[in-house]
Amino acid sequence: MLKPSIKSAVWNRNAAAKALPAAGPEQLLAVYDRVATWSEALVAQQYIDGDDDQL
């Protein structure tokens, strides 16, 4: 997953989701290249399936 450290107005205009999925390293870099200008800082994070109450 790739997400902004702080959501910006630009992120909100361009992405409907809080975070964008990436299936592997190559896709992560492709997503980064597409959205890098949408936020000052981005966070790459492993996605773990489950509800919020299972954190």
PDB file of N, CA and C in Angstrom:
ATOM      1  N   MET A   1       0.846  -1.165   0.000  1.00  0.00           N
ATOM      2  CA  MET A   1       0.000   0.000   0.000  1.00  0.00           C
ATOM      3  C   MET A   1       0.894   1.232   0.000  1.00  0.00           C
ATOM      4  N   LEU A   2       0.425   2.238  -0.695  1.00  0.00           N
ATOM      5  CA  LEU A   2       1.116   3.521  -0.702  1.00  0.00           C
ATOM      6  C   LEU A   2       0.100   4.582  -0.312  1.00  0.00           C
ATOM      7  N   LYS A   3       0.459   5.387   0.675  1.00  0.00           N
ATOM      8  CA  LYS A   3      -0.484   6.400   1.161  1.00  0.00           C
ATOM      9  C   LYS A   3       0.279   7.642   1.578  1.00  0.00           C
ATOM     10  N   PRO A   4      -0.421   8.765   1.625  1.00  0.00           N
ATOM     11  CA  PRO A   4       0.243   9.996   2.068  1.00  0.00           C
ATOM     12  C   PRO A   4       0.412   9.990   3.581  1.00  0.00           C
ATOM     13  N   SER A   5       1.489  10.598   4.062  1.00  0.00           N
ATOM     14  CA  SER A   5       1.646  10.711   5.511  1.00  0.00           C
ATOM     15  C   SER A   5       0.579  11.646   6.079  1.00  0.00           C
ATOM     16  N   ILE A   6       0.236  12.657   5.306  1.00  0.00           N
ATOM     17  CA  ILE A   6      -0.870  13.571   5.636  1.00  0.00           C
ATOM     18  C   ILE A   6      -1.630  13.814   4.339  1.00  0.00           C
ATOM     19  N   LYS A   7      -2.937  13.591   4.371  1.00  0.00           N
ATOM     20  CA  LYS A   7      -3.724  13.796   3.159  1.00  0.00           C
ATOM     21  C   LYS A   7      -3.736  15.277   2.774  1.00  0.00           C
ATOM     22  N   SER A   8      -3.510  15.524   1.517  1.00  0.00           N
ATOM     23  CA  SER A   8      -3.527  16.890   1.012  1.00  0.00           C
ATOM     24  C   SER A   8      -4.760  17.091   0.130  1.00  0.00           C
ATOM     25  N   ALA A   9      -5.052  18.328  -0.186  1.00  0.00           N
ATOM     26  CA  ALA A   9      -6.163  18.623  -1.087  1.00  0.00           C
ATOM     27  C   ALA A   9      -5.918  17.992  -2.454  1.00  0.00           C
ATOM     28  N   VAL A  10      -4.663  17.981  -2.886  1.00  0.00           N
ATOM     29  CA  VAL A  10      -4.318  17.380  -4.176  1.00  0.00           C
ATOM     30  C   VAL A  10      -4.592  15.882  -4.131  1.00  0.00           C
ATOM     31  N   TRP A  11      -4.210  15.211  -3.046  1.00  0.00           N
ATOM     32  CA  TRP A  11      -4.488  13.774  -2.912  1.00  0.00           C
ATOM     33  C   TRP A  11      -5.996  13.531  -2.986  1.00  0.00           C
ATOM     34  N   ASN A  12      -6.753  14.296  -2.236  1.00  0.00           N
ATOM     35  CA  ASN A  12      -8.211  14.120  -2.210  1.00  0.00           C
ATOM     36  C   ASN A  12      -8.841  14.350  -3.578  1.00  0.00           C
ATOM     37  N   ARG A  13      -8.302  15.274  -4.364  1.00  0.00           N
ATOM     38  CA  ARG A  13      -8.831  15.525  -5.714  1.00  0.00           C
ATOM     39  C   ARG A  13      -8.526  14.370  -6.666  1.00  0.00           C
ATOM     40  N   ASN A  14      -7.390  13.708  -6.474  1.00  0.00           N
ATOM     41  CA  ASN A  14      -6.927  12.704  -7.427  1.00  0.00           C
ATOM     42  C   ASN A  14      -7.170  11.263  -7.019  1.00  0.00           C
ATOM     43  N   ALA A  15      -7.356  10.995  -5.761  1.00  0.00           N
ATOM     44  CA  ALA A  15      -7.521   9.614  -5.289  1.00  0.00           C
ATOM     45  C   ALA A  15      -8.765   9.515  -4.411  1.00  0.00           C
ATOM     46  N   ALA A  16      -9.611   8.561  -4.709  1.00  0.00           N
ATOM     47  CA  ALA A  16     -10.803   8.339  -3.897  1.00  0.00           C
ATOM     48  C   ALA A  16     -10.467   7.528  -2.643  1.00  0.00           C
ATOM     49  N   ALA A  17      -9.358   6.803  -2.668  1.00  0.00           N
ATOM     50  CA  ALA A  17      -8.994   5.917  -1.569  1.00  0.00           C
ATOM     51  C   ALA A  17      -7.985   6.571  -0.622  1.00  0.00           C
ATOM     52  N   LYS A  18      -7.946   6.065   0.613  1.00  0.00           N
ATOM     53  CA  LYS A  18      -6.960   6.535   1.587  1.00  0.00           C
ATOM     54  C   LYS A  18      -5.568   6.040   1.243  1.00  0.00           C
ATOM     55  N   ALA A  19      -5.505   4.860   0.605  1.00  0.00           N
ATOM     56  CA  ALA A  19      -4.234   4.256   0.228  1.00  0.00           C
ATOM     57  C   ALA A  19      -4.412   3.519  -1.095  1.00  0.00           C
ATOM     58  N   LEU A  20      -3.328   3.393  -1.835  1.00  0.00           N
ATOM     59  CA  LEU A  20      -3.381   2.727  -3.130  1.00  0.00           C
ATOM     60  C   LEU A  20      -2.595   1.420  -3.071  1.00  0.00           C
ATOM     61  N   PRO A  21      -3.190   0.339  -3.554  1.00  0.00           N
ATOM     62  CA  PRO A  21      -2.518  -0.960  -3.475  1.00  0.00           C
ATOM     63  C   PRO A  21      -1.423  -1.110  -4.527  1.00  0.00           C
ATOM     64  N   ALA A  22      -0.467  -1.951  -4.210  1.00  0.00           N
ATOM     65  CA  ALA A  22       0.591  -2.323  -5.147  1.00  0.00           C
ATOM     66  C   ALA A  22       0.899  -3.800  -4.906  1.00  0.00           C
ATOM     67  N   ALA A  23       0.888  -4.591  -5.963  1.00  0.00           N
ATOM     68  CA  ALA A  23       1.038  -6.048  -5.839  1.00  0.00           C
ATOM     69  C   ALA A  23       2.490  -6.503  -5.702  1.00  0.00           C
ATOM     70  N   GLY A  24       3.434  -5.627  -5.845  1.00  0.00           N
ATOM     71  CA  GLY A  24       4.841  -6.003  -5.718  1.00  0.00           C
ATOM     72  C   GLY A  24       5.722  -4.792  -5.920  1.00  0.00           C
ATOM     73  N   PRO A  25       7.031  -4.995  -5.889  1.00  0.00           N
ATOM     74  CA  PRO A  25       7.962  -3.865  -5.985  1.00  0.00           C
ATOM     75  C   PRO A  25       7.818  -3.041  -7.260  1.00  0.00           C
ATOM     76  N   GLU A  26       7.654  -3.698  -8.385  1.00  0.00           N
ATOM     77  CA  GLU A  26       7.534  -2.963  -9.655  1.00  0.00           C
ATOM     78  C   GLU A  26       6.256  -2.121  -9.673  1.00  0.00           C
ATOM     79  N   GLN A  27       5.170  -2.704  -9.191  1.00  0.00           N
ATOM     80  CA  GLN A  27       3.916  -1.961  -9.173  1.00  0.00           C
ATOM     81  C   GLN A  27       3.970  -0.820  -8.157  1.00  0.00           C
ATOM     82  N   LEU A  28       4.655  -1.031  -7.044  1.00  0.00           N
ATOM     83  CA  LEU A  28       4.818   0.032  -6.053  1.00  0.00           C
ATOM     84  C   LEU A  28       5.534   1.227  -6.675  1.00  0.00           C
ATOM     85  N   LEU A  29       6.591   0.961  -7.423  1.00  0.00           N
ATOM     86  CA  LEU A  29       7.313   2.050  -8.087  1.00  0.00           C
ATOM     87  C   LEU A  29       6.450   2.741  -9.136  1.00  0.00           C
ATOM     88  N   ALA A  30       5.629   1.982  -9.849  1.00  0.00           N
ATOM     89  CA  ALA A  30       4.735   2.577 -10.850  1.00  0.00           C
ATOM     90  C   ALA A  30       3.692   3.462 -10.182  1.00  0.00           C
ATOM     91  N   VAL A  31       3.126   2.997  -9.076  1.00  0.00           N
ATOM     92  CA  VAL A  31       2.143   3.808  -8.343  1.00  0.00           C
ATOM     93  C   VAL A  31       2.828   5.059  -7.805  1.00  0.00           C
ATOM     94  N   TYR A  32       4.020   4.893  -7.251  1.00  0.00           N
ATOM     95  CA  TYR A  32       4.766   6.046  -6.739  1.00  0.00           C
ATOM     96  C   TYR A  32       4.995   7.083  -7.834  1.00  0.00           C
ATOM     97  N   ASP A  33       5.444   6.630  -8.996  1.00  0.00           N
ATOM     98  CA  ASP A  33       5.698   7.558 -10.105  1.00  0.00           C
ATOM     99  C   ASP A  33       4.441   8.330 -10.483  1.00  0.00           C
ATOM    100  N   ARG A  34       3.288   7.671 -10.379  1.00  0.00           N
ATOM    101  CA  ARG A  34       2.018   8.310 -10.755  1.00  0.00           C
ATOM    102  C   ARG A  34       1.559   9.332  -9.718  1.00  0.00           C
ATOM    103  N   VAL A  35       1.813   9.081  -8.422  1.00  0.00           N
ATOM    104  CA  VAL A  35       1.221   9.909  -7.368  1.00  0.00           C
ATOM    105  C   VAL A  35       2.220  10.742  -6.569  1.00  0.00           C
ATOM    106  N   ALA A  36       3.486  10.692  -6.895  1.00  0.00           N
ATOM    107  CA  ALA A  36       4.528  11.343  -6.081  1.00  0.00           C
ATOM    108  C   ALA A  36       4.287  12.838  -5.872  1.00  0.00           C
ATOM    109  N   THR A  37       3.659  13.492  -6.809  1.00  0.00           N
ATOM    110  CA  THR A  37       3.430  14.938  -6.671  1.00  0.00           C
ATOM    111  C   THR A  37       2.155  15.269  -5.902  1.00  0.00           C
ATOM    112  N   TRP A  38       1.419  14.259  -5.501  1.00  0.00           N
ATOM    113  CA  TRP A  38       0.147  14.487  -4.804  1.00  0.00           C
ATOM    114  C   TRP A  38       0.314  14.747  -3.315  1.00  0.00           C
ATOM    115  N   SER A  39       1.478  14.462  -2.764  1.00  0.00           N
ATOM    116  CA  SER A  39       1.700  14.612  -1.326  1.00  0.00           C
ATOM    117  C   SER A  39       3.174  14.904  -1.080  1.00  0.00           C
ATOM    118  N   GLU A  40       3.469  15.625  -0.003  1.00  0.00           N
ATOM    119  CA  GLU A  40       4.851  15.935   0.340  1.00  0.00           C
ATOM    120  C   GLU A  40       5.642  14.693   0.715  1.00  0.00           C
ATOM    121  N   ALA A  41       4.991  13.766   1.403  1.00  0.00           N
ATOM    122  CA  ALA A  41       5.639  12.524   1.826  1.00  0.00           C
ATOM    123  C   ALA A  41       4.661  11.365   1.675  1.00  0.00           C
ATOM    124  N   LEU A  42       5.181  10.233   1.222  1.00  0.00           N
ATOM    125  CA  LEU A  42       4.367   9.035   1.052  1.00  0.00           C
ATOM    126  C   LEU A  42       4.897   7.925   1.950  1.00  0.00           C
ATOM    127  N   VAL A  43       3.999   7.045   2.358  1.00  0.00           N
ATOM    128  CA  VAL A  43       4.344   5.919   3.220  1.00  0.00           C
ATOM    129  C   VAL A  43       4.025   4.630   2.475  1.00  0.00           C
ATOM    130  N   ALA A  44       4.990   3.725   2.410  1.00  0.00           N
ATOM    131  CA  ALA A  44       4.762   2.382   1.869  1.00  0.00           C
ATOM    132  C   ALA A  44       4.523   1.471   3.064  1.00  0.00           C
ATOM    133  N   GLN A  45       3.441   0.708   3.001  1.00  0.00           N
ATOM    134  CA  GLN A  45       3.047  -0.100   4.145  1.00  0.00           C
ATOM    135  C   GLN A  45       2.488  -1.430   3.662  1.00  0.00           C
ATOM    136  N   GLN A  46       2.830  -2.499   4.353  1.00  0.00           N
ATOM    137  CA  GLN A  46       2.277  -3.812   4.012  1.00  0.00           C
ATOM    138  C   GLN A  46       0.802  -3.839   4.363  1.00  0.00           C
ATOM    139  N   TYR A  47      -0.002  -4.383   3.460  1.00  0.00           N
ATOM    140  CA  TYR A  47      -1.428  -4.530   3.718  1.00  0.00           C
ATOM    141  C   TYR A  47      -1.663  -5.840   4.445  1.00  0.00           C
ATOM    142  N   ILE A  48      -2.401  -5.788   5.543  1.00  0.00           N
ATOM    143  CA  ILE A  48      -2.783  -6.978   6.281  1.00  0.00           C
ATOM    144  C   ILE A  48      -4.295  -7.021   6.321  1.00  0.00           C
ATOM    145  N   ASP A  49      -4.849  -8.087   5.761  1.00  0.00           N
ATOM    146  CA  ASP A  49      -6.301  -8.232   5.662  1.00  0.00           C
ATOM    147  C   ASP A  49      -6.930  -8.358   7.047  1.00  0.00           C
ATOM    148  N   GLY A  50      -8.096  -7.742   7.201  1.00  0.00           N
ATOM    149  CA  GLY A  50      -8.834  -7.833   8.462  1.00  0.00           C
ATOM    150  C   GLY A  50      -9.549  -6.536   8.761  1.00  0.00           C
ATOM    151  N   ASP A  51     -10.450  -6.604   9.715  1.00  0.00           N
ATOM    152  CA  ASP A  51     -11.207  -5.427  10.132  1.00  0.00           C
ATOM    153  C   ASP A  51     -10.370  -4.551  11.059  1.00  0.00           C
ATOM    154  N   ASP A  52     -10.803  -3.307  11.243  1.00  0.00           N
ATOM    155  CA  ASP A  52     -10.080  -2.377  12.106  1.00  0.00           C
ATOM    156  C   ASP A  52      -9.974  -2.875  13.536  1.00  0.00           C
ATOM    157  N   ASP A  53     -10.943  -3.677  14.003  1.00  0.00           N
ATOM    158  CA  ASP A  53     -10.890  -4.162  15.365  1.00  0.00           C
ATOM    159  C   ASP A  53      -9.871  -5.288  15.556  1.00  0.00           C
ATOM    160  N   GLN A  54      -9.206  -5.693  14.468  1.00  0.00           N
ATOM    161  CA  GLN A  54      -8.197  -6.747  14.552  1.00  0.00           C
ATOM    162  C   GLN A  54      -6.779  -6.193  14.461  1.00  0.00           C
ATOM    163  N   LEU A  55      -6.619  -4.886  14.615  1.00  0.00           N
ATOM    164  CA  LEU A  55      -5.291  -4.276  14.526  1.00  0.00           C
ATOM    165  C   LEU A  55      -4.420  -4.683  15.686  1.00  0.00           C
TER     166      LEU A  55
END
